[in-house]
Amino acid sequence: MRPSVVALVATAVLLLVAAPAAARFGMPEPLTDRGKTVEDIYFQIALAGVLVFVLVFALLVWVLVRYREGGHGRSTHEKHRGSLKAELVWTIIPLAIMLWIGVMSYAGLVKLDAGLGSDDYAMEVNITGFQWFWQMDYGEGVVVNVIPTANAQTGAMSYSDTFHLPADTPILLNLTGNEVIHAFNILDANRAYVTMDDANPSGPHKYHTQVVSFPAGKYTIQCKEMCLNPGHGYMRAELVVDAPADFDEWKADRALFGSAALRELVDVTANNGKLTYNDPAPAVVVDGTRVGIKVTNAGTQAVEFTADGNTTAVAPGEVARVAFDAQGGKTYTVTFSPGGSFQLEAVTPDAEITVDLGDFFIRNADIQLQVGKGYLIRATNIGTIGHNLFIGTFGGEVLAESNTAGSGDVALVYFKPTSAATLDWWCNVPGHHGLGMSGTVTITA
């Protein structure tokens, strides 16, 4: 064989063996089967590209050397002006390569789009993309909004909440958009691909369904829609995939509150008469707050607790939950037998303030409050997208925050100032403050 042919064959064999290992450099290790499918497509396309490059480059060097001026093989372009065989070779081979890439890529994309099969799922989650946050509706009154916030100095992201899903469970994702198109992209802990689908607000593809299963771990959700609005870039969320039992616990806690805007969870562990709180038990709640009491019996004897006149027994190793709506002016005593008790005072605000949240403004944006008075602020969303209200120093300390209200809903926040000051209040959905959704809270003695 000619030396040039031998060199090309040796290069091809070397690339076939080394390409997958070499491609690992700079590429994340996928942790899911879907990520491995995407990586396999990438490796094969990269290999085809490298082989074509090496072949073309080798032929170019050989021609330059073989037919250089003054060399032993003078240029023959005047003698041979055409070759049907050569034309067919450099037409058919690239066409075959492109057809192979197309068929291979299409087969992989079909596999990804099919997921696990639309009938093979254990639970269903409805996902909606808003400007500029994600929402998951788990059913049974459990709806989670994750509002992302970027630190103005460092760019670090923080989140108002966290999404949860059970591990190794086929989950049907129903995806849609609320007002504009979003791209729902999930990356694993190594930031390798898991899934990406369009969230369309209208048309025949308004709802896109796919069945996906996740290994336990932490994932990042990122909107990958490319347009002129930077809100898509900040439209991120955290997804924690728990063991199924842990997910069931999380969902049961959330189900206590339903759609209540004001909520308070008291998490108590009872151990043979000794009570501990995962967080200090609250002393005060606002009239209308949905109060959830979660009691875990870590002892060896049964325990009973009474809340709002209802008594619940908890066997050793079991968990019980109750909820009630606090009424202003009442003091609730939660007692444990055996164990102690704690009190919860439901206060009626001294005043209510009503404002409107539009796209993108706060009507009555500048307000005055008095030290020592409790205010319940009701903000009606008259716009078409989600809004909320934060009080404090923009880019700094947050003193109070509301829920995120969809179009036509109400965002509620209770705030009782303790000292005279001038504070900011604003909509904390990314990008909304810069579009004009801010104001001033003046607190006087």
Protein backbone atom coordinates (compact mmCIF):
# COMPACT_ATOMS: atom_id res chain seq x y z
CA MET A 1 0.00 0.00 0.00
CA ARG A 2 1.13 3.55 -0.62
CA PRO A 3 2.49 5.33 2.47
CA SER A 4 -0.23 7.95 2.26
CA VAL A 5 -2.99 5.32 2.30
CA VAL A 6 -1.38 3.51 5.22
CA ALA A 7 -1.17 6.79 7.15
CA LEU A 8 -4.85 7.54 6.54
CA VAL A 9 -5.96 4.06 7.61
CA ALA A 10 -3.83 4.25 10.77
CA THR A 11 -5.25 7.70 11.58
CA ALA A 12 -8.82 6.45 11.15
CA VAL A 13 -8.22 3.47 13.44
CA LEU A 14 -6.59 5.71 16.05
CA LEU A 15 -9.53 8.12 15.98
CA LEU A 16 -12.06 5.30 16.29
CA VAL A 17 -10.34 4.13 19.47
CA ALA A 18 -9.40 7.48 20.97
CA ALA A 19 -12.33 9.73 20.03
CA PRO A 20 -14.67 8.76 22.92
CA ALA A 21 -11.89 9.17 25.47
CA ALA A 22 -10.64 12.42 23.94
CA ALA A 23 -14.15 13.87 23.73
CA ARG A 24 -14.47 13.49 27.52
CA PHE A 25 -12.08 16.44 27.96
CA GLY A 26 -14.19 19.52 28.56
CA MET A 27 -17.44 17.53 28.47
CA PRO A 28 -19.51 16.77 31.59
CA GLU A 29 -20.04 13.16 32.63
CA PRO A 30 -23.78 12.49 32.13
CA LEU A 31 -25.56 11.03 35.14
CA THR A 32 -28.76 9.97 33.35
CA ASP A 33 -29.59 7.67 30.45
CA ARG A 34 -30.96 10.63 28.49
CA GLY A 35 -27.67 12.47 28.94
CA LYS A 36 -25.77 9.40 27.70
CA THR A 37 -27.96 9.31 24.56
CA VAL A 38 -27.14 12.94 23.77
CA GLU A 39 -23.45 12.31 24.45
CA ASP A 40 -23.46 9.32 22.10
CA ILE A 41 -24.92 11.48 19.30
CA TYR A 42 -22.29 14.14 19.97
CA PHE A 43 -19.41 11.62 19.92
CA GLN A 44 -20.48 10.15 16.60
CA ILE A 45 -20.90 13.54 14.92
CA ALA A 46 -17.59 14.72 16.38
CA LEU A 47 -15.86 11.59 15.09
CA ALA A 48 -17.26 12.10 11.59
CA GLY A 49 -16.10 15.71 11.62
CA VAL A 50 -12.60 14.83 12.81
CA LEU A 51 -12.23 12.05 10.21
CA VAL A 52 -13.31 14.37 7.38
CA PHE A 53 -10.95 17.08 8.60
CA VAL A 54 -7.97 14.72 8.84
CA LEU A 55 -8.69 13.22 5.40
CA VAL A 56 -9.05 16.62 3.68
CA PHE A 57 -6.00 18.04 5.46
CA ALA A 58 -3.87 14.97 4.59
CA LEU A 59 -4.90 15.13 0.92
CA LEU A 60 -4.20 18.86 0.84
CA VAL A 61 -0.69 18.38 2.24
CA TRP A 62 -0.04 15.47 -0.14
CA VAL A 63 -1.13 17.50 -3.18
CA LEU A 64 0.97 20.50 -2.12
CA VAL A 65 4.05 18.30 -1.70
CA ARG A 66 3.48 15.95 -4.65
CA TYR A 67 2.76 18.63 -7.18
CA ARG A 68 4.85 21.51 -5.89
CA GLU A 69 6.69 23.64 -8.46
CA GLY A 70 10.18 22.18 -8.98
CA GLY A 71 9.22 18.83 -7.49
CA HIS A 72 9.43 15.42 -9.12
CA GLY A 73 5.73 15.42 -10.04
CA ARG A 74 4.95 18.59 -11.98
CA SER A 75 1.44 19.96 -12.12
CA THR A 76 -0.85 18.00 -14.44
CA HIS A 77 -3.85 20.30 -14.41
CA GLU A 78 -3.39 21.18 -18.06
CA LYS A 79 -3.31 17.50 -19.03
CA HIS A 80 -6.23 16.25 -16.92
CA ARG A 81 -9.10 18.73 -16.81
CA GLY A 82 -11.84 16.37 -15.54
CA SER A 83 -12.49 13.02 -13.90
CA LEU A 84 -15.96 11.56 -13.57
CA LYS A 85 -14.65 9.03 -11.05
CA ALA A 86 -13.23 11.76 -8.81
CA GLU A 87 -16.43 13.82 -9.07
CA LEU A 88 -18.53 10.82 -8.02
CA VAL A 89 -16.21 10.01 -5.09
CA TRP A 90 -16.23 13.48 -3.54
CA THR A 91 -19.99 13.78 -4.08
CA ILE A 92 -21.15 10.35 -2.90
CA ILE A 93 -18.89 10.08 0.17
CA PRO A 94 -19.93 13.45 1.74
CA LEU A 95 -23.55 12.68 0.88
CA ALA A 96 -23.27 9.29 2.59
CA ILE A 97 -21.70 10.91 5.67
CA MET A 98 -24.47 13.52 5.90
CA LEU A 99 -27.17 10.87 5.46
CA TRP A 100 -25.58 8.75 8.20
CA ILE A 101 -25.43 11.76 10.56
CA GLY A 102 -29.04 12.66 9.78
CA VAL A 103 -30.40 9.14 10.32
CA MET A 104 -28.36 8.61 13.50
CA SER A 105 -29.33 11.99 14.96
CA TYR A 106 -32.99 11.58 14.08
CA ALA A 107 -33.11 8.14 15.71
CA GLY A 108 -31.57 9.58 18.88
CA LEU A 109 -33.96 12.53 18.95
CA VAL A 110 -36.95 10.24 18.47
CA LYS A 111 -35.73 8.15 21.40
CA LEU A 112 -35.37 11.27 23.57
CA ASP A 113 -38.74 12.68 22.55
CA ALA A 114 -40.51 9.40 23.22
CA GLY A 115 -39.15 9.22 26.77
CA LEU A 116 -40.48 6.17 28.60
CA GLY A 117 -43.81 5.98 26.78
CA SER A 118 -46.88 8.13 27.46
CA ASP A 119 -48.78 5.32 29.23
CA ASP A 120 -45.95 4.21 31.51
CA TYR A 121 -45.93 6.72 34.37
CA ALA A 122 -46.60 6.72 38.11
CA MET A 123 -47.33 10.42 38.69
CA GLU A 124 -48.16 13.55 36.73
CA VAL A 125 -46.83 17.08 37.12
CA ASN A 126 -48.06 20.20 35.28
CA ILE A 127 -45.27 22.69 34.54
CA THR A 128 -45.91 26.27 33.40
CA GLY A 129 -43.35 28.86 32.34
CA PHE A 130 -44.18 32.45 33.36
CA GLN A 131 -42.28 35.69 32.90
CA TRP A 132 -39.83 35.00 34.56
CA PHE A 133 -40.25 31.94 36.77
CA TRP A 134 -41.36 28.32 36.70
CA GLN A 135 -44.37 26.73 38.37
CA MET A 136 -45.05 23.06 39.16
CA ASP A 137 -48.57 21.87 39.98
CA TYR A 138 -48.48 18.46 41.67
CA GLY A 139 -52.24 18.17 42.11
CA GLU A 140 -54.07 17.80 45.44
CA GLY A 141 -53.64 21.54 46.02
CA VAL A 142 -49.83 21.47 45.94
CA VAL A 143 -48.54 24.26 43.68
CA VAL A 144 -44.94 25.51 43.91
CA ASN A 145 -43.61 28.72 42.35
CA VAL A 146 -39.84 29.19 42.28
CA ILE A 147 -38.88 32.86 41.95
CA PRO A 148 -35.17 33.35 41.08
CA THR A 149 -33.17 36.35 42.28
CA ALA A 150 -29.72 37.41 41.08
CA ASN A 151 -27.33 39.18 43.46
CA ALA A 152 -26.66 42.61 41.98
CA GLN A 153 -22.96 42.51 42.97
CA THR A 154 -21.93 38.88 42.44
CA GLY A 155 -24.57 37.55 40.06
CA ALA A 156 -25.14 34.54 42.34
CA MET A 157 -28.63 33.08 42.09
CA SER A 158 -31.01 32.46 44.98
CA TYR A 159 -34.48 30.93 44.87
CA SER A 160 -37.72 31.50 46.74
CA ASP A 161 -38.48 27.77 46.86
CA THR A 162 -37.34 24.38 45.54
CA PHE A 163 -39.03 21.86 43.30
CA HIS A 164 -39.08 18.21 44.41
CA LEU A 165 -39.70 14.94 42.55
CA PRO A 166 -39.37 11.25 43.53
CA ALA A 167 -36.32 9.30 42.34
CA ASP A 168 -36.48 6.43 39.84
CA THR A 169 -40.17 7.07 39.20
CA PRO A 170 -41.69 7.50 35.73
CA ILE A 171 -43.15 11.03 35.78
CA LEU A 172 -45.39 12.53 33.12
CA LEU A 173 -44.40 16.16 32.59
CA ASN A 174 -47.16 18.34 31.10
CA LEU A 175 -45.39 21.45 29.88
CA THR A 176 -46.85 24.75 28.68
CA GLY A 177 -46.15 28.49 28.64
CA ASN A 178 -48.31 31.23 30.11
CA GLU A 179 -47.61 34.19 27.85
CA VAL A 180 -44.46 33.67 25.74
CA ILE A 181 -42.43 30.67 24.59
CA HIS A 182 -39.93 29.25 27.11
CA ALA A 183 -37.47 26.37 26.79
CA PHE A 184 -37.59 24.00 29.78
CA ASN A 185 -34.05 22.62 30.11
CA ILE A 186 -32.92 20.32 32.95
CA LEU A 187 -29.22 19.75 33.67
CA ASP A 188 -27.84 17.20 36.12
CA ALA A 189 -25.31 17.87 38.90
CA ASN A 190 -22.47 17.82 36.33
CA ARG A 191 -24.46 20.26 34.18
CA ALA A 192 -24.95 17.56 31.54
CA TYR A 193 -28.16 17.40 29.51
CA VAL A 194 -31.21 15.62 30.90
CA THR A 195 -34.12 17.03 28.89
CA MET A 196 -35.26 20.17 27.06
CA ASP A 197 -38.71 20.95 25.67
CA ASP A 198 -40.50 24.05 24.43
CA ALA A 199 -43.17 25.56 26.67
CA ASN A 200 -45.59 27.10 24.20
CA PRO A 201 -48.42 29.42 25.28
CA SER A 202 -50.73 28.67 22.34
CA GLY A 203 -51.22 26.73 19.14
CA PRO A 204 -51.31 22.97 18.50
CA HIS A 205 -48.22 22.46 20.69
CA LYS A 206 -49.51 24.41 23.71
CA TYR A 207 -49.15 21.27 25.87
CA HIS A 208 -46.12 19.05 25.46
CA THR A 209 -46.02 15.80 27.42
CA GLN A 210 -43.10 13.54 28.14
CA VAL A 211 -42.38 10.74 30.62
CA VAL A 212 -39.01 11.03 32.35
CA SER A 213 -37.34 9.24 35.28
CA PHE A 214 -34.61 10.87 37.37
CA PRO A 215 -31.92 9.33 39.59
CA ALA A 216 -31.73 10.84 43.08
CA GLY A 217 -29.75 14.07 43.22
CA LYS A 218 -29.89 17.79 42.53
CA TYR A 219 -30.70 19.29 39.14
CA THR A 220 -30.76 22.76 37.62
CA ILE A 221 -33.68 24.06 35.57
CA GLN A 222 -32.79 26.78 33.07
CA CYS A 223 -34.85 28.50 30.41
CA LYS A 224 -32.85 28.20 27.17
CA GLU A 225 -35.10 30.39 25.03
CA MET A 226 -32.97 32.78 22.98
CA CYS A 227 -34.57 36.19 22.48
CA LEU A 228 -33.89 39.85 23.23
CA ASN A 229 -35.34 39.71 26.76
CA PRO A 230 -32.68 38.83 29.39
CA GLY A 231 -35.40 37.51 31.71
CA HIS A 232 -35.03 34.07 30.10
CA GLY A 233 -31.40 33.91 31.24
CA TYR A 234 -32.39 34.42 34.89
CA MET A 235 -35.31 32.02 34.68
CA ARG A 236 -33.74 29.26 36.73
CA ALA A 237 -34.81 26.91 39.51
CA GLU A 238 -33.48 24.11 41.67
CA LEU A 239 -34.90 20.59 41.45
CA VAL A 240 -34.24 18.08 44.23
CA VAL A 241 -35.01 14.45 43.40
CA ASP A 242 -35.61 12.64 46.70
CA ALA A 243 -36.10 9.05 47.69
CA PRO A 244 -39.82 8.32 47.15
CA ALA A 245 -40.54 8.23 50.91
CA ASP A 246 -38.88 11.62 51.42
CA PHE A 247 -40.84 13.08 48.51
CA ASP A 248 -44.09 11.80 50.00
CA GLU A 249 -43.21 13.58 53.27
CA TRP A 250 -42.46 16.82 51.44
CA LYS A 251 -45.69 16.67 49.46
CA ALA A 252 -47.75 15.89 52.57
CA ASP A 253 -46.31 18.99 54.27
CA ARG A 254 -47.22 21.14 51.28
CA ALA A 255 -50.71 19.65 51.04
CA LEU A 256 -51.49 21.08 54.49
CA PHE A 257 -51.68 24.58 53.09
CA GLY A 258 -53.45 24.15 49.78
CA SER A 259 -53.80 27.55 48.11
CA ALA A 260 -53.53 29.58 51.34
CA ALA A 261 -51.50 32.73 50.75
CA LEU A 262 -50.50 33.15 54.42
CA ARG A 263 -49.01 29.98 55.88
CA GLU A 264 -46.95 28.81 58.86
CA LEU A 265 -45.58 25.29 59.48
CA VAL A 266 -44.66 24.24 63.02
CA ASP A 267 -42.48 21.11 62.83
CA VAL A 268 -42.33 19.29 66.18
CA THR A 269 -40.48 16.13 67.19
CA ALA A 270 -41.82 14.35 70.30
CA ASN A 271 -39.54 11.92 72.10
CA ASN A 272 -41.06 10.36 75.24
CA GLY A 273 -42.26 13.66 76.65
CA LYS A 274 -39.47 15.86 75.26
CA LEU A 275 -40.38 18.30 72.49
CA THR A 276 -37.96 19.81 70.00
CA TYR A 277 -38.70 22.18 67.13
CA ASN A 278 -36.88 22.15 63.82
CA ASP A 279 -37.37 25.91 63.91
CA PRO A 280 -38.44 27.99 66.91
CA ALA A 281 -42.21 27.81 67.24
CA PRO A 282 -43.75 31.10 66.05
CA ALA A 283 -45.42 33.28 68.65
CA VAL A 284 -47.55 35.44 66.34
CA VAL A 285 -49.43 34.85 63.09
CA VAL A 286 -51.73 37.09 61.10
CA ASP A 287 -55.47 36.64 61.03
CA GLY A 288 -56.29 34.23 58.19
CA THR A 289 -52.97 32.36 58.28
CA ARG A 290 -53.17 28.64 57.53
CA VAL A 291 -51.24 27.03 60.41
CA GLY A 292 -49.88 23.53 59.87
CA ILE A 293 -48.77 21.39 62.82
CA LYS A 294 -46.52 18.44 61.93
CA VAL A 295 -45.65 16.05 64.75
CA THR A 296 -43.06 13.28 64.41
CA ASN A 297 -43.06 10.71 67.20
CA ALA A 298 -39.43 9.67 67.66
CA GLY A 299 -40.07 8.01 71.02
CA THR A 300 -41.21 4.58 72.13
CA GLN A 301 -44.62 5.58 73.50
CA ALA A 302 -47.66 7.08 71.83
CA VAL A 303 -48.21 10.83 72.04
CA GLU A 304 -51.34 12.95 71.65
CA PHE A 305 -51.46 16.60 70.69
CA THR A 306 -54.39 19.00 70.69
CA ALA A 307 -54.59 21.94 68.28
CA ASP A 308 -57.64 24.18 67.76
CA GLY A 309 -59.75 21.81 69.84
CA ASN A 310 -58.90 18.67 67.87
CA THR A 311 -56.85 15.85 69.40
CA THR A 312 -54.65 13.62 67.28
CA ALA A 313 -52.77 10.49 68.38
CA VAL A 314 -49.35 9.66 66.93
CA ALA A 315 -47.92 6.15 67.30
CA PRO A 316 -44.17 5.60 67.79
CA GLY A 317 -42.32 6.15 64.54
CA GLU A 318 -45.32 7.77 62.87
CA VAL A 319 -45.99 11.32 61.61
CA ALA A 320 -49.28 13.23 61.93
CA ARG A 321 -50.33 16.55 60.44
CA VAL A 322 -53.21 18.92 61.11
CA ALA A 323 -54.01 22.40 59.85
CA PHE A 324 -56.34 25.21 60.88
CA ASP A 325 -57.00 28.80 59.88
CA ALA A 326 -56.04 31.30 62.57
CA GLN A 327 -58.64 33.88 63.55
CA GLY A 328 -57.54 37.30 64.71
CA GLY A 329 -57.83 38.01 68.42
CA LYS A 330 -57.51 34.36 69.44
CA THR A 331 -54.61 32.67 71.22
CA TYR A 332 -54.08 29.03 70.28
CA THR A 333 -52.47 26.66 72.76
CA VAL A 334 -51.04 23.48 71.27
CA THR A 335 -50.60 20.84 74.01
CA PHE A 336 -48.81 17.50 73.98
CA SER A 337 -49.41 14.48 76.20
CA PRO A 338 -46.86 13.56 77.35
CA GLY A 339 -44.93 16.76 76.79
CA GLY A 340 -45.37 20.49 77.05
CA SER A 341 -47.16 23.13 75.03
CA PHE A 342 -46.70 26.34 73.09
CA GLN A 343 -48.97 29.30 72.34
CA LEU A 344 -49.72 30.98 69.05
CA GLU A 345 -51.32 34.43 69.00
CA ALA A 346 -53.35 35.37 65.94
CA VAL A 347 -53.22 39.13 65.51
CA THR A 348 -55.54 41.33 63.51
CA PRO A 349 -53.61 43.92 61.49
CA ASP A 350 -53.98 47.52 62.65
CA ALA A 351 -54.55 48.54 59.06
CA GLU A 352 -54.83 47.15 55.57
CA ILE A 353 -53.22 48.69 52.53
CA THR A 354 -54.47 47.94 49.03
CA VAL A 355 -52.31 48.37 45.96
CA ASP A 356 -52.41 47.18 42.36
CA LEU A 357 -49.61 45.39 40.53
CA GLY A 358 -49.57 45.93 36.78
CA ASP A 359 -47.27 45.24 33.84
CA PHE A 360 -44.94 46.91 34.92
CA PHE A 361 -45.90 49.34 37.68
CA ILE A 362 -47.10 49.53 41.28
CA ARG A 363 -50.14 51.74 41.68
CA ASN A 364 -49.77 53.80 44.90
CA ALA A 365 -46.06 53.02 44.82
CA ASP A 366 -45.10 55.36 47.70
CA ILE A 367 -46.70 54.63 51.09
CA GLN A 368 -46.27 55.79 54.69
CA LEU A 369 -46.37 53.51 57.74
CA GLN A 370 -46.03 54.03 61.48
CA VAL A 371 -43.69 52.30 63.87
CA GLY A 372 -45.35 49.61 66.00
CA LYS A 373 -48.40 49.11 63.81
CA GLY A 374 -49.04 45.91 61.90
CA TYR A 375 -50.06 46.24 58.26
CA LEU A 376 -51.55 43.65 55.95
CA ILE A 377 -50.80 44.67 52.39
CA ARG A 378 -53.12 43.27 49.74
CA ALA A 379 -51.66 43.61 46.26
CA THR A 380 -54.04 42.69 43.44
CA ASN A 381 -52.34 41.60 40.24
CA ILE A 382 -54.13 43.49 37.46
CA GLY A 383 -51.47 42.53 34.94
CA THR A 384 -51.14 39.51 32.69
CA ILE A 385 -48.09 37.86 34.31
CA GLY A 386 -46.96 36.93 37.85
CA HIS A 387 -45.95 39.60 40.38
CA ASN A 388 -45.05 39.83 44.09
CA LEU A 389 -44.00 42.40 46.69
CA PHE A 390 -40.77 42.51 48.71
CA ILE A 391 -40.00 45.07 51.44
CA GLY A 392 -36.49 45.98 52.60
CA THR A 393 -33.39 47.23 50.80
CA PHE A 394 -33.27 46.33 47.14
CA GLY A 395 -30.16 44.21 46.58
CA GLY A 396 -29.76 43.82 50.35
CA GLU A 397 -31.83 42.77 53.37
CA VAL A 398 -35.41 41.60 52.83
CA LEU A 399 -37.73 42.32 55.78
CA ALA A 400 -40.99 40.94 54.39
CA GLU A 401 -42.16 39.23 51.23
CA SER A 402 -45.42 38.14 49.68
CA ASN A 403 -46.48 35.15 47.66
CA THR A 404 -46.31 35.43 43.87
CA ALA A 405 -49.77 36.17 42.47
CA GLY A 406 -50.86 35.22 39.00
CA SER A 407 -53.05 37.43 36.86
CA GLY A 408 -56.19 38.37 38.84
CA ASP A 409 -54.88 36.89 42.10
CA VAL A 410 -53.84 38.65 45.33
CA ALA A 411 -50.35 38.82 46.86
CA LEU A 412 -50.42 39.19 50.66
CA VAL A 413 -47.66 40.41 52.97
CA TYR A 414 -47.78 41.30 56.69
CA PHE A 415 -45.30 43.90 57.91
CA LYS A 416 -44.86 45.51 61.34
CA PRO A 417 -42.06 48.10 61.33
CA THR A 418 -40.00 48.48 64.49
CA SER A 419 -38.10 51.71 63.76
CA ALA A 420 -38.30 54.82 61.61
CA ALA A 421 -36.67 54.35 58.23
CA THR A 422 -37.04 54.75 54.50
CA LEU A 423 -37.25 51.38 52.76
CA ASP A 424 -37.71 50.02 49.27
CA TRP A 425 -40.49 47.81 48.05
CA TRP A 426 -40.50 46.13 44.70
CA CYS A 427 -41.58 43.21 42.57
CA ASN A 428 -38.87 40.57 42.95
CA VAL A 429 -39.61 38.67 39.74
CA PRO A 430 -36.35 39.04 37.74
CA GLY A 431 -36.36 42.09 35.51
CA HIS A 432 -39.54 43.63 36.89
CA HIS A 433 -37.80 46.08 39.24
CA GLY A 434 -35.79 47.48 36.33
CA LEU A 435 -38.99 47.90 34.31
CA GLY A 436 -40.47 50.21 36.95
CA MET A 437 -42.05 47.97 39.59
CA SER A 438 -40.65 49.69 42.67
CA GLY A 439 -41.57 52.28 45.26
CA THR A 440 -40.73 53.77 48.63
CA VAL A 441 -41.96 52.82 52.11
CA THR A 442 -41.54 55.71 54.58
CA ILE A 443 -41.79 54.69 58.25
CA THR A 444 -42.40 57.42 60.85
CA ALA A 445 -42.38 57.25 64.64
